[in-house]
């Protein structure tokens, strides 16, 4: 297997990393969830665990999966164009707050 190949699995977990205000809100830096998991249901999952998070935190944050930013519409079951896209086992997902520069 080449070093760029990513091992695949059918069931397992993914890691969700919280930064800044998301970490403060959840009181966690990292959390593990079962995989595969529908990407378009991620916000619903977090809202069910942390009521109010969608409006107070997620509405102003970016999300990355496997170090690639995800279009915000893809994170909501109502607006996702691809409802079959999955967060796979061993994926790293991050909730990233707005970043300012000056």
C-alpha atoms as a PDB file:
ATOM      1  CA  UNK A   1       0.000   0.000   0.000  1.00  0.00           C
ATOM      2  CA  UNK A   2       1.424   3.391  -0.974  1.00  0.00           C
ATOM      3  CA  UNK A   3       1.856   6.028   1.733  1.00  0.00           C
ATOM      4  CA  UNK A   4      -0.869   8.140   0.126  1.00  0.00           C
ATOM      5  CA  UNK A   5      -3.437   5.351   0.294  1.00  0.00           C
ATOM      6  CA  UNK A   6      -5.999   5.714   3.048  1.00  0.00           C
ATOM      7  CA  UNK A   7      -7.156   2.500   4.674  1.00  0.00           C
ATOM      8  CA  UNK A   8     -10.884   2.003   4.361  1.00  0.00           C
ATOM      9  CA  UNK A   9     -13.297   0.281   6.672  1.00  0.00           C
ATOM     10  CA  UNK A  10     -17.019  -0.311   6.714  1.00  0.00           C
ATOM     11  CA  UNK A  11     -17.735   0.574  10.335  1.00  0.00           C
ATOM     12  CA  UNK A  12     -15.765   2.406  12.957  1.00  0.00           C
ATOM     13  CA  UNK A  13     -15.503   5.953  14.221  1.00  0.00           C
ATOM     14  CA  UNK A  14     -14.554   9.448  13.160  1.00  0.00           C
ATOM     15  CA  UNK A  15     -12.977  12.205  15.234  1.00  0.00           C
ATOM     16  CA  UNK A  16     -14.637  15.599  15.584  1.00  0.00           C
ATOM     17  CA  UNK A  17     -12.350  18.430  16.724  1.00  0.00           C
ATOM     18  CA  UNK A  18     -13.770  21.571  18.315  1.00  0.00           C
ATOM     19  CA  UNK A  19     -11.880  24.866  18.299  1.00  0.00           C
ATOM     20  CA  UNK A  20     -12.346  28.156  20.182  1.00  0.00           C
ATOM     21  CA  UNK A  21     -16.022  28.909  20.907  1.00  0.00           C
ATOM     22  CA  UNK A  22     -17.125  25.439  19.771  1.00  0.00           C
ATOM     23  CA  UNK A  23     -14.777  23.893  22.328  1.00  0.00           C
ATOM     24  CA  UNK A  24     -16.047  26.243  25.033  1.00  0.00           C
ATOM     25  CA  UNK A  25     -19.662  25.418  24.193  1.00  0.00           C
ATOM     26  CA  UNK A  26     -19.198  21.633  24.225  1.00  0.00           C
ATOM     27  CA  UNK A  27     -16.555  21.672  26.973  1.00  0.00           C
ATOM     28  CA  UNK A  28     -14.556  19.264  24.794  1.00  0.00           C
ATOM     29  CA  UNK A  29     -11.665  19.509  22.369  1.00  0.00           C
ATOM     30  CA  UNK A  30     -12.341  16.225  20.587  1.00  0.00           C
ATOM     31  CA  UNK A  31     -15.199  13.777  20.424  1.00  0.00           C
ATOM     32  CA  UNK A  32     -15.604  10.391  18.731  1.00  0.00           C
ATOM     33  CA  UNK A  33     -18.707   9.408  16.752  1.00  0.00           C
ATOM     34  CA  UNK A  34     -19.756   6.233  14.903  1.00  0.00           C
ATOM     35  CA  UNK A  35     -18.931   6.056  11.210  1.00  0.00           C
ATOM     36  CA  UNK A  36     -19.983   6.050   8.503  1.00  0.00           C
ATOM     37  CA  UNK A  37     -22.313   8.965   9.209  1.00  0.00           C
ATOM     38  CA  UNK A  38     -24.287  11.132   6.734  1.00  0.00           C
ATOM     39  CA  UNK A  39     -22.560  14.495   6.341  1.00  0.00           C
ATOM     40  CA  UNK A  40     -25.913  16.248   5.894  1.00  0.00           C
ATOM     41  CA  UNK A  41     -26.943  15.097   9.391  1.00  0.00           C
ATOM     42  CA  UNK A  42     -23.864  16.424  11.233  1.00  0.00           C
ATOM     43  CA  UNK A  43     -25.524  19.649  12.410  1.00  0.00           C
ATOM     44  CA  UNK A  44     -28.583  17.705  13.606  1.00  0.00           C
ATOM     45  CA  UNK A  45     -26.334  15.329  15.557  1.00  0.00           C
ATOM     46  CA  UNK A  46     -24.531  18.189  17.275  1.00  0.00           C
ATOM     47  CA  UNK A  47     -27.762  20.069  17.976  1.00  0.00           C
ATOM     48  CA  UNK A  48     -29.230  16.966  19.643  1.00  0.00           C
ATOM     49  CA  UNK A  49     -26.177  16.645  21.914  1.00  0.00           C
ATOM     50  CA  UNK A  50     -25.711  20.367  22.540  1.00  0.00           C
ATOM     51  CA  UNK A  51     -29.048  22.207  22.303  1.00  0.00           C
ATOM     52  CA  UNK A  52     -28.687  25.681  20.825  1.00  0.00           C
ATOM     53  CA  UNK A  53     -25.329  24.917  19.210  1.00  0.00           C
ATOM     54  CA  UNK A  54     -26.599  25.205  15.644  1.00  0.00           C
ATOM     55  CA  UNK A  55     -27.741  28.802  16.064  1.00  0.00           C
ATOM     56  CA  UNK A  56     -25.176  30.021  18.607  1.00  0.00           C
ATOM     57  CA  UNK A  57     -22.024  28.364  17.249  1.00  0.00           C
ATOM     58  CA  UNK A  58     -22.386  26.450  14.003  1.00  0.00           C
ATOM     59  CA  UNK A  59     -24.104  29.251  12.092  1.00  0.00           C
ATOM     60  CA  UNK A  60     -20.838  31.216  12.083  1.00  0.00           C
ATOM     61  CA  UNK A  61     -18.307  28.363  11.852  1.00  0.00           C
ATOM     62  CA  UNK A  62     -16.696  26.505   8.988  1.00  0.00           C
ATOM     63  CA  UNK A  63     -16.442  22.720   8.867  1.00  0.00           C
ATOM     64  CA  UNK A  64     -13.685  20.637   7.350  1.00  0.00           C
ATOM     65  CA  UNK A  65     -13.649  16.929   6.558  1.00  0.00           C
ATOM     66  CA  UNK A  66     -10.300  15.308   5.744  1.00  0.00           C
ATOM     67  CA  UNK A  67      -8.712  18.797   5.817  1.00  0.00           C
ATOM     68  CA  UNK A  68     -11.077  20.070   3.094  1.00  0.00           C
ATOM     69  CA  UNK A  69     -13.642  22.766   3.804  1.00  0.00           C
ATOM     70  CA  UNK A  70     -17.246  21.694   3.279  1.00  0.00           C
ATOM     71  CA  UNK A  71     -19.952  23.934   1.808  1.00  0.00           C
ATOM     72  CA  UNK A  72     -22.321  24.845   4.648  1.00  0.00           C
ATOM     73  CA  UNK A  73     -25.348  23.766   2.610  1.00  0.00           C
ATOM     74  CA  UNK A  74     -24.024  20.202   2.594  1.00  0.00           C
ATOM     75  CA  UNK A  75     -24.266  20.067   6.404  1.00  0.00           C
ATOM     76  CA  UNK A  76     -28.036  20.498   6.520  1.00  0.00           C
ATOM     77  CA  UNK A  77     -30.405  17.765   5.394  1.00  0.00           C
ATOM     78  CA  UNK A  78     -32.811  20.396   4.008  1.00  0.00           C
ATOM     79  CA  UNK A  79     -30.248  22.066   1.710  1.00  0.00           C
ATOM     80  CA  UNK A  80     -27.720  19.320   0.922  1.00  0.00           C
ATOM     81  CA  UNK A  81     -27.394  18.552  -2.778  1.00  0.00           C
ATOM     82  CA  UNK A  82     -25.677  15.233  -2.075  1.00  0.00           C
ATOM     83  CA  UNK A  83     -27.519  13.499   0.741  1.00  0.00           C
ATOM     84  CA  UNK A  84     -25.465  10.328   0.208  1.00  0.00           C
ATOM     85  CA  UNK A  85     -22.085  11.867   1.119  1.00  0.00           C
ATOM     86  CA  UNK A  86     -20.732  10.154   4.217  1.00  0.00           C
ATOM     87  CA  UNK A  87     -18.200  10.917   6.902  1.00  0.00           C
ATOM     88  CA  UNK A  88     -16.151   7.730   6.771  1.00  0.00           C
ATOM     89  CA  UNK A  89     -14.372   5.866   9.526  1.00  0.00           C
ATOM     90  CA  UNK A  90     -11.031   7.384  10.496  1.00  0.00           C
ATOM     91  CA  UNK A  91     -12.039  10.770   9.036  1.00  0.00           C
ATOM     92  CA  UNK A  92     -11.122  13.905  10.931  1.00  0.00           C
ATOM     93  CA  UNK A  93     -13.812  16.562  11.065  1.00  0.00           C
ATOM     94  CA  UNK A  94     -13.230  20.032  12.512  1.00  0.00           C
ATOM     95  CA  UNK A  95     -15.531  22.844  13.611  1.00  0.00           C
ATOM     96  CA  UNK A  96     -13.568  26.007  12.848  1.00  0.00           C
ATOM     97  CA  UNK A  97     -14.660  29.429  14.135  1.00  0.00           C
ATOM     98  CA  UNK A  98     -14.370  32.582  12.051  1.00  0.00           C
ATOM     99  CA  UNK A  99     -10.767  33.700  11.643  1.00  0.00           C
ATOM    100  CA  UNK A 100      -9.832  37.345  11.409  1.00  0.00           C
ATOM    101  CA  UNK A 101      -6.583  38.894  10.331  1.00  0.00           C
ATOM    102  CA  UNK A 102      -5.257  42.328  10.796  1.00  0.00           C
END
